[in-house]
Amino acid sequence: MTTPPPALLIAGHGTRDEAGAEAFRDFVRELGRRHPELPVAGGFIELSPPPLGEAVTELVERGVRRFAAVPLMLVSAGHAKGDIPAALSREKERHPGISYTYGRPLGPHPALLQVLERRLAEALGTGGRAPEDLADVTVLLVGRGSTDPDANAEVYKAARLLWEGRGYAGVETAFVSLAAPDVPSGLDRCVRLGAKRIVVLPYFLFTGILPERVRHQTEGWAAAHPEVEVRSADVIGPEPELLDLVMERYEEAVKGDLRMNCDSCVYRIALPGFEDKVGTPQQPHFHPDDEGHHHDGHHHHGHAHSHAH
């Protein structure tokens, strides 16, 4: 008899917005439909039902003993770093005999950057628009915002990766709560940088209070600056890319293959404009002062990308 695969437990932030909470619950149901071979359940850390503990209980009642938990979050802030692991260890005490592995947050994965690019095209109405038209578009990527500097830095990383190789004038970053710059300051900054057309792009998975606030603040700023063309793009949403990515994070967690971030590495993933780098061998970098170096190209240095994963 083969051991059944670990159940997939999806952990969400929680939101006071009923539509946002329902979008999460729908997404979890859709994952379950797509993967009938897996027990799938999801719950929230705060603000909306069901709580994560209830999702665990539901799975335990179905006979599940092994879990892989995936945080349905774009960046690793206090929730992913502290609250979810704490909630899971509490569940372990409540249900002796269960074991779990914990996956990593979703972003800034190339598949999600692709969805963001699609959202920008929709906002611009760029059906068949020439690439040079993007050269006068400045994107303002707006993250949730956190008191965790590392989480905020991840949004900057996503912005940079979105900008690379796609031809926008620039991708600037702002936050809707807890971190500066806020949306109006971010828009001011775009203008100071000479922006002609701005698209405000919410870096959020589903609709909710905060993405709505981004839209309202954008509209308020635009009304006060009629000379600038400003558009609002949609959230990522329950796209096929997101469903596939959650399964990728599940597989990683199950295999215990949690490693440095290779998702956005040019040696592993075809990023726009760098496709020729994928799979190239890593050459050592010789400092002019290195003793006795040989340029025979056979020395692999200890760069993370040359390990066998």
Protein backbone atom coordinates (compact mmCIF):
# COMPACT_ATOMS: atom_id res chain seq x y z
CA MET A 1 0.00 0.00 0.00
CA THR A 2 1.47 3.34 -0.99
CA THR A 3 1.54 6.20 1.48
CA PRO A 4 -0.98 8.87 0.47
CA PRO A 5 0.59 12.21 -0.51
CA PRO A 6 0.61 14.93 2.17
CA ALA A 7 -2.51 17.11 2.23
CA LEU A 8 -2.25 20.65 0.88
CA LEU A 9 -3.08 23.27 3.49
CA ILE A 10 -3.40 26.82 2.14
CA ALA A 11 -2.80 29.64 4.62
CA GLY A 12 -4.29 33.06 3.83
CA HIS A 13 -3.90 36.49 5.42
CA GLY A 14 -7.57 37.13 6.03
CA THR A 15 -9.50 40.26 5.08
CA ARG A 16 -12.50 42.21 6.33
CA ASP A 17 -13.74 42.24 2.75
CA GLU A 18 -16.28 39.47 2.17
CA ALA A 19 -15.58 39.36 -1.58
CA GLY A 20 -11.86 38.98 -0.89
CA ALA A 21 -12.44 36.18 1.64
CA GLU A 22 -14.79 34.44 -0.80
CA ALA A 23 -12.17 34.76 -3.58
CA PHE A 24 -9.71 32.88 -1.34
CA ARG A 25 -12.24 30.18 -0.45
CA ASP A 26 -13.15 29.78 -4.14
CA PHE A 27 -9.50 29.46 -5.03
CA VAL A 28 -9.01 26.69 -2.45
CA ARG A 29 -12.08 24.84 -3.81
CA GLU A 30 -10.73 25.15 -7.36
CA LEU A 31 -7.37 23.68 -6.28
CA GLY A 32 -9.27 20.77 -4.73
CA ARG A 33 -11.23 20.23 -7.96
CA ARG A 34 -8.05 20.28 -10.04
CA HIS A 35 -6.27 17.83 -7.75
CA PRO A 36 -8.77 15.15 -6.72
CA GLU A 37 -5.84 12.96 -5.65
CA LEU A 38 -5.02 15.41 -2.82
CA PRO A 39 -6.90 16.43 0.29
CA VAL A 40 -6.96 20.26 0.04
CA ALA A 41 -8.18 22.78 2.63
CA GLY A 42 -7.49 26.41 3.44
CA GLY A 43 -7.95 28.87 6.26
CA PHE A 44 -7.00 32.33 7.46
CA ILE A 45 -4.65 33.70 10.11
CA GLU A 46 -7.06 36.49 11.08
CA LEU A 47 -10.11 38.58 10.18
CA SER A 48 -12.16 36.07 8.20
CA PRO A 49 -13.50 32.51 8.48
CA PRO A 50 -12.49 29.77 8.37
CA PRO A 51 -9.48 30.00 10.72
CA LEU A 52 -6.46 27.90 9.78
CA GLY A 53 -7.09 25.58 12.75
CA GLU A 54 -10.51 24.67 11.42
CA ALA A 55 -8.99 23.70 8.05
CA VAL A 56 -6.49 21.45 9.87
CA THR A 57 -9.25 19.84 11.93
CA GLU A 58 -11.31 19.21 8.78
CA LEU A 59 -8.34 17.40 7.18
CA VAL A 60 -7.51 15.43 10.34
CA GLU A 61 -11.13 14.27 10.46
CA ARG A 62 -10.65 13.00 6.91
CA GLY A 63 -7.76 10.86 8.19
CA VAL A 64 -4.90 13.13 7.13
CA ARG A 65 -1.68 12.87 9.14
CA ARG A 66 0.85 14.64 6.90
CA PHE A 67 0.50 18.19 5.63
CA ALA A 68 2.33 20.58 3.37
CA ALA A 69 1.33 24.13 4.20
CA VAL A 70 1.68 26.82 1.53
CA PRO A 71 1.23 30.50 2.45
CA LEU A 72 -1.00 32.15 -0.15
CA MET A 73 1.04 35.34 0.14
CA LEU A 74 3.24 37.28 -2.23
CA VAL A 75 5.89 38.25 0.29
CA SER A 76 7.18 36.82 3.52
CA ALA A 77 6.31 39.28 6.29
CA GLY A 78 5.22 38.66 9.88
CA HIS A 79 2.40 36.33 8.80
CA ALA A 80 4.48 33.95 6.77
CA LYS A 81 7.52 34.16 9.07
CA GLY A 82 5.82 34.00 12.45
CA ASP A 83 2.05 33.63 12.59
CA ILE A 84 1.64 30.62 10.31
CA PRO A 85 4.48 28.56 11.85
CA ALA A 86 3.09 29.41 15.32
CA ALA A 87 -0.43 28.37 14.24
CA LEU A 88 0.92 25.12 12.81
CA SER A 89 2.85 24.21 15.95
CA ARG A 90 -0.32 24.86 17.97
CA GLU A 91 -2.19 22.45 15.66
CA LYS A 92 0.51 19.85 16.26
CA GLU A 93 -0.22 20.02 19.98
CA ARG A 94 -3.98 19.80 19.37
CA HIS A 95 -3.62 16.83 17.01
CA PRO A 96 -0.81 14.57 18.25
CA GLY A 97 0.68 12.50 15.46
CA ILE A 98 0.37 15.02 12.62
CA SER A 99 3.46 16.27 10.82
CA TYR A 100 3.88 19.07 8.34
CA THR A 101 6.33 20.83 6.08
CA TYR A 102 6.03 24.49 5.29
CA GLY A 103 6.35 26.00 1.82
CA ARG A 104 7.55 29.45 0.87
CA PRO A 105 5.61 32.52 -0.26
CA LEU A 106 4.66 32.87 -3.91
CA GLY A 107 6.40 35.94 -5.27
CA PRO A 108 8.15 37.27 -7.28
CA HIS A 109 7.76 34.23 -9.54
CA PRO A 110 8.05 34.73 -13.34
CA ALA A 111 4.57 33.26 -13.81
CA LEU A 112 3.12 35.99 -11.58
CA LEU A 113 5.15 38.67 -13.35
CA GLN A 114 3.51 37.43 -16.56
CA VAL A 115 0.06 37.93 -15.03
CA LEU A 116 1.07 41.43 -13.86
CA GLU A 117 2.20 42.21 -17.40
CA ARG A 118 -1.21 41.08 -18.66
CA ARG A 119 -2.96 43.32 -16.12
CA LEU A 120 -0.91 46.27 -17.36
CA ALA A 121 -1.79 45.52 -20.99
CA GLU A 122 -5.49 45.36 -20.04
CA ALA A 123 -5.29 48.69 -18.21
CA LEU A 124 -3.55 50.30 -21.19
CA GLY A 125 -5.79 48.67 -23.76
CA THR A 126 -2.62 47.64 -25.59
CA GLY A 127 -4.09 44.91 -27.74
CA GLY A 128 -1.64 45.21 -30.61
CA ARG A 129 0.28 48.24 -29.46
CA ALA A 130 3.88 48.68 -30.56
CA PRO A 131 6.52 48.01 -27.90
CA GLU A 132 7.87 51.56 -28.24
CA ASP A 133 4.56 52.82 -26.84
CA LEU A 134 5.46 51.19 -23.52
CA ALA A 135 8.53 53.42 -23.32
CA ASP A 136 6.34 56.28 -22.07
CA VAL A 137 4.53 54.14 -19.48
CA THR A 138 5.65 54.31 -15.86
CA VAL A 139 4.28 51.60 -13.59
CA LEU A 140 3.63 52.17 -9.89
CA LEU A 141 3.62 48.74 -8.23
CA VAL A 142 1.77 49.03 -4.92
CA GLY A 143 2.45 46.46 -2.22
CA ARG A 144 0.57 45.79 1.00
CA GLY A 145 3.29 47.35 3.16
CA SER A 146 4.75 45.88 6.32
CA THR A 147 6.75 46.79 9.40
CA ASP A 148 9.20 44.12 8.16
CA PRO A 149 11.89 45.78 5.98
CA ASP A 150 12.64 42.47 4.26
CA ALA A 151 9.00 42.12 3.17
CA ASN A 152 9.03 45.66 1.74
CA ALA A 153 12.30 44.92 -0.05
CA GLU A 154 10.62 41.93 -1.75
CA VAL A 155 8.13 44.31 -3.38
CA TYR A 156 11.06 46.32 -4.76
CA LYS A 157 12.51 43.11 -6.08
CA ALA A 158 9.23 42.28 -7.86
CA ALA A 159 9.17 45.81 -9.32
CA ARG A 160 12.70 45.45 -10.66
CA LEU A 161 11.98 42.05 -12.18
CA LEU A 162 8.81 43.40 -13.79
CA TRP A 163 10.81 46.24 -15.31
CA GLU A 164 13.66 44.10 -16.66
CA GLY A 165 13.43 43.45 -20.38
CA ARG A 166 9.82 44.63 -20.82
CA GLY A 167 10.37 48.15 -22.10
CA TYR A 168 8.38 50.29 -19.63
CA ALA A 169 9.85 53.72 -18.82
CA GLY A 170 10.19 52.54 -15.24
CA VAL A 171 8.57 50.58 -12.44
CA GLU A 172 8.34 52.51 -9.17
CA THR A 173 7.17 51.15 -5.83
CA ALA A 174 4.70 52.34 -3.18
CA PHE A 175 2.77 50.79 -0.28
CA VAL A 176 -0.82 51.07 0.84
CA SER A 177 -0.14 50.73 4.58
CA LEU A 178 2.59 50.65 7.23
CA ALA A 179 5.42 51.68 4.91
CA ALA A 180 6.48 54.71 2.87
CA PRO A 181 6.09 55.89 0.19
CA ASP A 182 2.29 55.81 0.18
CA VAL A 183 0.29 55.87 -3.05
CA PRO A 184 0.06 59.68 -3.49
CA SER A 185 3.78 60.07 -2.72
CA GLY A 186 4.57 57.27 -5.15
CA LEU A 187 2.57 59.02 -7.87
CA ASP A 188 4.32 62.34 -7.09
CA ARG A 189 7.63 60.57 -7.42
CA CYS A 190 6.68 59.16 -10.85
CA VAL A 191 5.86 62.69 -12.02
CA ARG A 192 9.15 64.08 -10.70
CA LEU A 193 10.86 61.37 -12.72
CA GLY A 194 9.12 62.69 -15.83
CA ALA A 195 6.30 60.14 -16.14
CA LYS A 196 3.89 60.82 -19.02
CA ARG A 197 1.48 57.96 -18.45
CA ILE A 198 1.19 56.06 -15.19
CA VAL A 199 -0.43 52.71 -14.49
CA VAL A 200 -0.99 51.88 -10.83
CA LEU A 201 -0.63 48.13 -10.43
CA PRO A 202 -1.75 46.56 -7.13
CA TYR A 203 0.61 43.80 -5.99
CA PHE A 204 -2.21 41.77 -4.44
CA LEU A 205 -3.62 38.33 -5.13
CA PHE A 206 -7.32 39.04 -4.66
CA THR A 207 -9.71 41.92 -4.22
CA GLY A 208 -10.07 43.36 -0.71
CA ILE A 209 -10.08 46.48 1.47
CA LEU A 210 -6.47 47.36 0.66
CA PRO A 211 -6.58 47.00 -3.15
CA GLU A 212 -9.80 49.06 -3.10
CA ARG A 213 -7.99 51.71 -1.07
CA VAL A 214 -5.22 51.76 -3.69
CA ARG A 215 -7.82 52.41 -6.39
CA HIS A 216 -9.54 55.19 -4.41
CA GLN A 217 -6.27 56.91 -3.57
CA THR A 218 -5.24 56.69 -7.23
CA GLU A 219 -8.53 58.22 -8.38
CA GLY A 220 -8.22 61.00 -5.78
CA TRP A 221 -4.69 61.84 -6.90
CA ALA A 222 -5.65 61.70 -10.60
CA ALA A 223 -8.54 64.13 -10.04
CA ALA A 224 -6.07 66.61 -8.55
CA HIS A 225 -3.59 66.12 -11.44
CA PRO A 226 -5.68 66.24 -14.62
CA GLU A 227 -2.55 66.87 -16.69
CA VAL A 228 -1.22 63.35 -16.02
CA GLU A 229 -2.77 60.23 -17.56
CA VAL A 230 -3.28 57.69 -14.75
CA ARG A 231 -4.89 54.28 -14.98
CA SER A 232 -5.61 51.56 -12.44
CA ALA A 233 -4.84 47.92 -13.18
CA ASP A 234 -6.54 44.91 -11.58
CA VAL A 235 -5.24 42.52 -8.91
CA ILE A 236 -3.62 39.22 -9.95
CA GLY A 237 -6.75 37.11 -9.35
CA PRO A 238 -7.31 33.34 -9.47
CA GLU A 239 -5.38 32.82 -12.70
CA PRO A 240 -4.17 29.40 -13.95
CA GLU A 241 -0.60 30.63 -13.29
CA LEU A 242 -1.45 31.14 -9.63
CA LEU A 243 -3.04 27.68 -9.32
CA ASP A 244 0.04 26.10 -10.92
CA LEU A 245 2.41 28.10 -8.73
CA VAL A 246 0.72 26.97 -5.52
CA MET A 247 1.24 23.37 -6.67
CA GLU A 248 4.89 24.14 -7.44
CA ARG A 249 5.31 25.45 -3.88
CA TYR A 250 3.50 22.34 -2.58
CA GLU A 251 5.84 20.00 -4.49
CA GLU A 252 8.89 21.87 -3.17
CA ALA A 253 7.62 21.63 0.40
CA VAL A 254 6.89 17.91 0.01
CA LYS A 255 10.33 17.19 -1.41
CA GLY A 256 11.95 19.41 1.20
CA ASP A 257 13.52 21.30 -1.67
CA LEU A 258 13.44 24.72 -0.01
CA ARG A 259 16.40 26.57 -1.31
CA MET A 260 17.67 29.99 -2.14
CA ASN A 261 15.45 31.90 -4.51
CA CYS A 262 16.08 30.42 -7.93
CA ASP A 263 12.73 31.52 -9.33
CA SER A 264 14.08 34.76 -10.68
CA CYS A 265 17.53 33.50 -11.58
CA VAL A 266 18.63 34.10 -15.18
CA TYR A 267 20.54 30.79 -15.17
CA ARG A 268 17.36 28.81 -14.44
CA ILE A 269 14.43 30.77 -15.86
CA ALA A 270 14.09 32.51 -19.22
CA LEU A 271 13.65 36.13 -18.14
CA PRO A 272 12.80 38.67 -20.88
CA GLY A 273 15.98 39.64 -22.72
CA PHE A 274 18.18 37.09 -20.89
CA GLU A 275 16.92 33.86 -22.47
CA ASP A 276 20.42 32.94 -23.67
CA LYS A 277 21.70 32.62 -20.08
CA VAL A 278 19.54 29.65 -19.07
CA GLY A 279 21.67 26.65 -18.22
CA THR A 280 24.99 28.29 -19.08
CA PRO A 281 27.91 26.97 -17.07
CA GLN A 282 29.18 29.30 -14.36
CA GLN A 283 32.68 30.61 -14.96
CA PRO A 284 34.80 31.65 -12.02
CA HIS A 285 35.38 35.36 -11.68
CA PHE A 286 39.09 36.01 -11.47
CA HIS A 287 40.30 39.03 -9.62
CA PRO A 288 43.41 40.51 -11.30
CA ASP A 289 45.35 39.78 -8.08
CA ASP A 290 44.46 36.08 -7.97
CA GLU A 291 47.52 33.88 -7.81
CA GLY A 292 48.18 31.34 -10.52
CA HIS A 293 44.81 31.43 -12.27
CA HIS A 294 44.21 29.52 -15.48
CA HIS A 295 41.59 30.69 -17.94
CA ASP A 296 40.58 27.20 -18.96
CA GLY A 297 36.95 27.67 -17.99
CA HIS A 298 36.76 24.45 -16.02
CA HIS A 299 36.67 25.80 -12.50
CA HIS A 300 33.13 25.97 -11.22
CA HIS A 301 33.11 28.26 -8.25
CA GLY A 302 30.73 27.88 -5.33
CA HIS A 303 28.02 30.05 -6.87
CA ALA A 304 24.62 28.80 -5.80
CA HIS A 305 23.55 28.15 -9.38
CA SER A 306 26.21 25.56 -10.01
CA HIS A 307 24.99 23.23 -7.26
CA ALA A 308 22.97 20.28 -8.28
CA HIS A 309 19.65 20.99 -6.57
